[in-house]
């Protein structure tokens, strides 16, 4: 009977409940595993007593990045961690988009402004400012060129809190074809979903956003699958991935580009894709029994 920890976080007013968690616990137990949901920062947990720890909904990690990454390192030494700690560390900082671009993966163009950098903002198009460590559009906002003063205020706040900021053109294709999330599990495409635009004009960066508006099932195109697989192939030490989500948008040329690659704690959207639960259970059990 494999002992499996599904890793989550403390509930809170700024943290959504994980609807997948009880489904996965029940399904794994039904398949014969000793599965339970545990908090990553629960000091009473003996991680070495687990055969596998699967990061699922540690949705406060970006607020406590250094602490979380230290936990991942320690947990990965005590037991098998999915995804591996080295992958988690790489993916927790969205400067990984630069690595993907260098590997030839089509990504949304991105510039980075670290604390102390000159606040160089676009003048000719809408743009997005967000931190390199974040989830659920936290501290992200969309601006027009005449809103520089507001954007500078956001940059000052991010830099004061020690964040490096990302500046990206607002990809107008999102307003037409949405953002597509391709989920992989056990090295295979699991399912895909599409959602609408998260960032609406005039919404303050520090207001909570709806992370997955208008979510619906999606059948990925061959081009979308090719870009997603190219991105995953470029992940350093990515051979040990248990799960992955690749978020795609259409660029100005109409071709898919990577918005994000989620390798830490992506929502699996199992309530939208209940038929995927057995495949997830199969892959988790295989990883636990290695």
Protein backbone atom coordinates (compact mmCIF):
# COMPACT_ATOMS: atom_id res chain seq x y z
CA UNK A 1 0.00 0.00 0.00
CA UNK A 2 1.94 3.07 -1.20
CA UNK A 3 1.89 6.05 1.15
CA UNK A 4 1.15 9.20 -0.84
CA UNK A 5 1.00 12.79 0.41
CA UNK A 6 -0.98 15.26 -1.70
CA UNK A 7 0.57 18.55 -0.70
CA UNK A 8 -1.59 21.62 -0.19
CA UNK A 9 -1.56 24.80 1.92
CA UNK A 10 -3.48 26.47 4.72
CA UNK A 11 -6.94 27.77 3.80
CA UNK A 12 -7.31 31.54 3.87
CA UNK A 13 -9.36 34.45 2.55
CA UNK A 14 -7.01 34.95 -0.43
CA UNK A 15 -6.63 31.25 -1.23
CA UNK A 16 -9.18 29.32 -3.25
CA UNK A 17 -10.28 25.87 -2.15
CA UNK A 18 -8.88 23.00 -4.23
CA UNK A 19 -11.86 21.01 -5.57
CA UNK A 20 -9.54 18.35 -7.02
CA UNK A 21 -7.99 17.43 -3.68
CA UNK A 22 -10.82 15.38 -2.10
CA UNK A 23 -11.48 13.72 -5.47
CA UNK A 24 -7.86 12.59 -5.77
CA UNK A 25 -7.61 11.44 -2.15
CA UNK A 26 -10.74 9.32 -2.54
CA UNK A 27 -9.69 7.92 -5.91
CA UNK A 28 -6.21 6.98 -4.70
CA UNK A 29 -7.61 5.34 -1.59
CA UNK A 30 -10.08 3.46 -3.77
CA UNK A 31 -7.11 2.19 -5.79
CA UNK A 32 -5.43 0.85 -2.64
CA UNK A 33 -3.10 3.70 -1.68
CA UNK A 34 -2.69 5.26 1.75
CA UNK A 35 -3.34 8.79 0.48
CA UNK A 36 -3.88 11.97 2.48
CA UNK A 37 -3.82 15.72 2.02
CA UNK A 38 -1.13 17.51 4.03
CA UNK A 39 0.09 21.10 4.28
CA UNK A 40 3.58 21.80 3.03
CA UNK A 41 4.38 23.92 6.10
CA UNK A 42 3.06 21.45 8.69
CA UNK A 43 6.12 20.77 10.82
CA UNK A 44 4.56 17.62 12.27
CA UNK A 45 4.68 15.78 8.93
CA UNK A 46 7.38 13.13 8.56
CA UNK A 47 8.05 13.30 4.83
CA UNK A 48 10.38 10.31 4.97
CA UNK A 49 7.38 8.17 5.91
CA UNK A 50 5.86 8.84 2.47
CA UNK A 51 6.67 6.93 -0.68
CA UNK A 52 5.70 9.97 -2.77
CA UNK A 53 4.82 13.60 -2.10
CA UNK A 54 2.83 15.22 -4.92
CA UNK A 55 2.64 19.02 -4.86
CA UNK A 56 -0.95 19.87 -5.65
CA UNK A 57 -2.37 23.13 -4.29
CA UNK A 58 0.40 24.98 -2.47
CA UNK A 59 -1.22 28.16 -3.70
CA UNK A 60 0.49 30.44 -1.18
CA UNK A 61 4.00 29.50 -2.29
CA UNK A 62 4.69 32.66 -4.29
CA UNK A 63 4.10 34.78 -1.19
CA UNK A 64 6.67 32.71 0.74
CA UNK A 65 8.96 31.63 -2.08
CA UNK A 66 12.22 31.25 -0.15
CA UNK A 67 10.53 29.25 2.61
CA UNK A 68 8.70 27.06 0.11
CA UNK A 69 11.80 26.33 -1.96
CA UNK A 70 13.68 25.37 1.19
CA UNK A 71 10.85 22.99 2.07
CA UNK A 72 10.95 21.47 -1.43
CA UNK A 73 14.69 20.87 -1.10
CA UNK A 74 14.26 19.17 2.28
CA UNK A 75 11.24 17.16 1.20
CA UNK A 76 13.03 16.01 -1.94
CA UNK A 77 15.85 14.66 0.18
CA UNK A 78 13.46 12.80 2.48
CA UNK A 79 11.26 11.18 -0.18
CA UNK A 80 10.37 11.22 -3.86
CA UNK A 81 8.92 14.67 -4.63
CA UNK A 82 6.81 15.41 -7.69
CA UNK A 83 7.71 17.51 -9.36
CA UNK A 84 11.40 17.32 -8.34
CA UNK A 85 12.83 20.14 -6.23
CA UNK A 86 15.24 21.30 -8.96
CA UNK A 87 12.34 21.68 -11.41
CA UNK A 88 10.26 23.48 -8.79
CA UNK A 89 13.08 25.93 -8.13
CA UNK A 90 13.53 26.67 -11.84
CA UNK A 91 9.82 27.08 -12.48
CA UNK A 92 9.06 29.19 -9.40
CA UNK A 93 10.70 32.21 -11.05
CA UNK A 94 9.15 33.24 -14.36
CA UNK A 95 12.51 34.28 -15.71
CA UNK A 96 12.43 30.72 -17.02
CA UNK A 97 10.65 32.21 -20.05
CA UNK A 98 14.03 33.56 -21.10
CA UNK A 99 15.47 30.04 -20.96
CA UNK A 100 12.63 28.73 -23.12
CA UNK A 101 13.09 31.54 -25.64
CA UNK A 102 16.82 30.76 -25.83
CA UNK A 103 15.87 27.16 -26.61
CA UNK A 104 13.76 28.32 -29.55
CA UNK A 105 10.36 27.96 -27.88
CA UNK A 106 7.90 30.65 -29.05
CA UNK A 107 7.03 32.62 -25.93
CA UNK A 108 5.31 35.91 -25.19
CA UNK A 109 8.06 38.58 -25.41
CA UNK A 110 9.16 39.48 -21.90
CA UNK A 111 11.44 42.06 -20.30
CA UNK A 112 12.48 41.99 -16.66
CA UNK A 113 12.89 44.96 -14.32
CA UNK A 114 14.71 44.12 -11.10
CA UNK A 115 14.81 46.47 -8.12
CA UNK A 116 17.10 49.34 -9.07
CA UNK A 117 16.53 49.02 -12.83
CA UNK A 118 15.26 52.02 -14.76
CA UNK A 119 11.45 51.73 -15.10
CA UNK A 120 11.35 51.49 -18.89
CA UNK A 121 7.71 51.01 -20.00
CA UNK A 122 6.25 50.65 -23.52
CA UNK A 123 4.92 53.72 -25.30
CA UNK A 124 3.22 52.25 -28.33
CA UNK A 125 0.93 49.47 -27.12
CA UNK A 126 -0.93 47.98 -24.18
CA UNK A 127 1.22 46.02 -21.79
CA UNK A 128 1.12 43.86 -18.67
CA UNK A 129 3.17 44.23 -15.50
CA UNK A 130 3.41 41.34 -13.04
CA UNK A 131 5.95 39.79 -10.66
CA UNK A 132 8.24 36.95 -11.68
CA UNK A 133 6.98 35.02 -8.66
CA UNK A 134 3.22 34.87 -8.63
CA UNK A 135 0.10 32.80 -9.18
CA UNK A 136 -3.53 33.47 -10.02
CA UNK A 137 -2.71 36.88 -11.57
CA UNK A 138 -1.67 38.15 -8.14
CA UNK A 139 -0.13 41.65 -8.45
CA UNK A 140 -0.71 41.64 -12.23
CA UNK A 141 -2.31 44.46 -14.21
CA UNK A 142 -2.90 45.62 -17.78
CA UNK A 143 -2.06 49.17 -18.88
CA UNK A 144 -2.31 51.53 -21.82
CA UNK A 145 0.62 53.90 -22.59
CA UNK A 146 -1.23 56.81 -20.95
CA UNK A 147 -1.37 54.90 -17.65
CA UNK A 148 2.38 54.98 -16.99
CA UNK A 149 1.96 56.80 -13.68
CA UNK A 150 -0.21 54.00 -12.30
CA UNK A 151 2.14 51.35 -13.69
CA UNK A 152 5.11 53.08 -12.07
CA UNK A 153 3.30 52.90 -8.75
CA UNK A 154 2.90 49.16 -9.20
CA UNK A 155 6.59 48.77 -10.11
CA UNK A 156 7.57 50.70 -6.98
CA UNK A 157 5.41 48.39 -4.85
CA UNK A 158 6.85 45.24 -6.44
CA UNK A 159 10.42 46.45 -6.05
CA UNK A 160 9.82 47.52 -2.45
CA UNK A 161 8.71 43.98 -1.67
CA UNK A 162 11.79 42.53 -3.37
CA UNK A 163 10.09 41.30 -6.56
CA UNK A 164 11.51 41.49 -10.04
CA UNK A 165 8.80 42.72 -12.43
CA UNK A 166 7.92 41.30 -15.84
CA UNK A 167 6.75 43.59 -18.64
CA UNK A 168 4.98 41.95 -21.57
CA UNK A 169 2.91 43.28 -24.45
CA UNK A 170 -0.77 42.65 -23.88
CA UNK A 171 -1.47 39.78 -26.27
CA UNK A 172 -4.67 40.82 -28.01
CA UNK A 173 -5.30 37.29 -29.21
CA UNK A 174 -6.50 36.46 -25.70
CA UNK A 175 -9.57 38.61 -26.28
CA UNK A 176 -10.40 36.59 -29.41
CA UNK A 177 -9.28 32.99 -28.87
CA UNK A 178 -8.66 32.96 -25.13
CA UNK A 179 -5.87 31.19 -23.27
CA UNK A 180 -5.50 27.44 -23.70
CA UNK A 181 -4.14 25.20 -20.95
CA UNK A 182 -2.71 21.86 -22.06
CA UNK A 183 -2.30 19.46 -19.13
CA UNK A 184 0.19 16.62 -19.19
CA UNK A 185 0.40 13.79 -16.66
CA UNK A 186 2.80 10.88 -16.62
CA UNK A 187 4.42 12.22 -19.79
CA UNK A 188 1.21 12.19 -21.87
CA UNK A 189 -1.36 14.80 -22.80
CA UNK A 190 -4.16 14.46 -20.25
CA UNK A 191 -6.70 17.05 -21.41
CA UNK A 192 -6.96 20.71 -22.37
CA UNK A 193 -9.10 23.70 -21.39
CA UNK A 194 -9.69 27.23 -22.57
CA UNK A 195 -10.46 30.34 -20.54
CA UNK A 196 -11.12 33.99 -21.23
CA UNK A 197 -9.01 37.05 -20.45
CA UNK A 198 -8.08 37.42 -16.77
CA UNK A 199 -6.83 41.02 -16.88
CA UNK A 200 -9.50 43.59 -17.69
CA UNK A 201 -8.73 47.27 -18.34
CA UNK A 202 -8.65 49.43 -15.23
CA UNK A 203 -8.50 46.59 -12.69
CA UNK A 204 -5.94 47.50 -9.98
CA UNK A 205 -2.96 45.20 -9.68
CA UNK A 206 -3.68 44.52 -6.00
CA UNK A 207 -7.31 43.49 -6.50
CA UNK A 208 -8.06 39.77 -6.46
CA UNK A 209 -8.85 38.42 -9.94
CA UNK A 210 -10.92 35.52 -11.23
CA UNK A 211 -8.11 33.21 -12.29
CA UNK A 212 -10.05 31.04 -14.76
CA UNK A 213 -12.96 32.99 -16.27
CA UNK A 214 -15.23 31.14 -18.69
CA UNK A 215 -13.32 27.87 -18.36
CA UNK A 216 -14.38 25.22 -20.87
CA UNK A 217 -13.03 21.99 -22.37
CA UNK A 218 -10.78 22.43 -25.39
CA UNK A 219 -9.39 20.17 -28.11
CA UNK A 220 -5.83 21.32 -28.79
CA UNK A 221 -4.68 21.83 -32.35
CA UNK A 222 -1.57 20.05 -33.68
CA UNK A 223 0.28 23.39 -33.55
CA UNK A 224 -0.65 23.88 -29.90
CA UNK A 225 0.48 20.38 -28.99
CA UNK A 226 3.77 20.90 -30.83
CA UNK A 227 4.54 24.15 -29.01
CA UNK A 228 3.61 22.67 -25.62
CA UNK A 229 5.77 19.60 -26.20
CA UNK A 230 8.65 21.79 -27.40
CA UNK A 231 8.41 23.80 -24.16
CA UNK A 232 8.41 20.70 -21.97
CA UNK A 233 11.36 19.24 -23.84
CA UNK A 234 13.32 22.42 -23.02
CA UNK A 235 12.76 22.16 -19.24
CA UNK A 236 16.11 21.54 -17.50
CA UNK A 237 16.13 18.11 -15.83
CA UNK A 238 12.56 17.69 -17.05
CA UNK A 239 12.72 13.90 -17.50
CA UNK A 240 11.27 13.42 -14.01
CA UNK A 241 8.11 15.48 -14.53
CA UNK A 242 4.94 13.87 -13.22
CA UNK A 243 2.65 16.69 -14.26
CA UNK A 244 2.78 19.89 -16.29
CA UNK A 245 0.46 22.55 -17.64
CA UNK A 246 1.43 24.70 -20.62
CA UNK A 247 -0.60 27.89 -21.09
CA UNK A 248 -0.77 29.16 -24.66
CA UNK A 249 -2.06 32.30 -26.37
CA UNK A 250 -2.06 33.40 -30.00
CA UNK A 251 0.58 35.93 -31.00
CA UNK A 252 0.12 38.73 -33.50
CA UNK A 253 0.86 36.22 -36.26
CA UNK A 254 -1.95 33.93 -35.07
CA UNK A 255 0.45 31.21 -33.96
CA UNK A 256 0.50 29.79 -30.41
CA UNK A 257 3.00 31.17 -27.96
CA UNK A 258 3.80 30.08 -24.42
CA UNK A 259 2.39 32.36 -21.74
CA UNK A 260 3.48 30.16 -18.83
CA UNK A 261 4.65 26.65 -18.07
CA UNK A 262 3.18 25.50 -14.75
CA UNK A 263 5.30 22.81 -13.10
CA UNK A 264 4.79 23.61 -9.41
CA UNK A 265 1.10 23.51 -8.47
CA UNK A 266 -1.15 23.79 -11.54
CA UNK A 267 -4.88 23.41 -11.09
CA UNK A 268 -5.83 20.22 -12.93
CA UNK A 269 -9.47 21.24 -13.62
CA UNK A 270 -10.66 17.70 -12.88
CA UNK A 271 -14.21 18.90 -12.25
CA UNK A 272 -14.24 19.91 -15.92
CA UNK A 273 -12.56 16.66 -17.01
CA UNK A 274 -13.76 13.91 -14.62
CA UNK A 275 -12.79 11.18 -17.10
CA UNK A 276 -9.13 12.12 -16.49
CA UNK A 277 -9.18 11.03 -12.83
CA UNK A 278 -8.29 7.34 -13.50
CA UNK A 279 -5.32 8.36 -15.65
CA UNK A 280 -4.05 10.69 -12.93
CA UNK A 281 -4.41 7.95 -10.33
CA UNK A 282 -2.58 5.48 -12.57
CA UNK A 283 0.33 7.88 -13.09
CA UNK A 284 0.58 8.78 -9.38
CA UNK A 285 0.61 5.13 -8.35
CA UNK A 286 3.27 4.35 -10.95
CA UNK A 287 5.45 7.16 -9.58
CA UNK A 288 4.94 5.97 -5.99
CA UNK A 289 5.90 2.41 -6.85
CA UNK A 290 9.12 3.24 -8.71
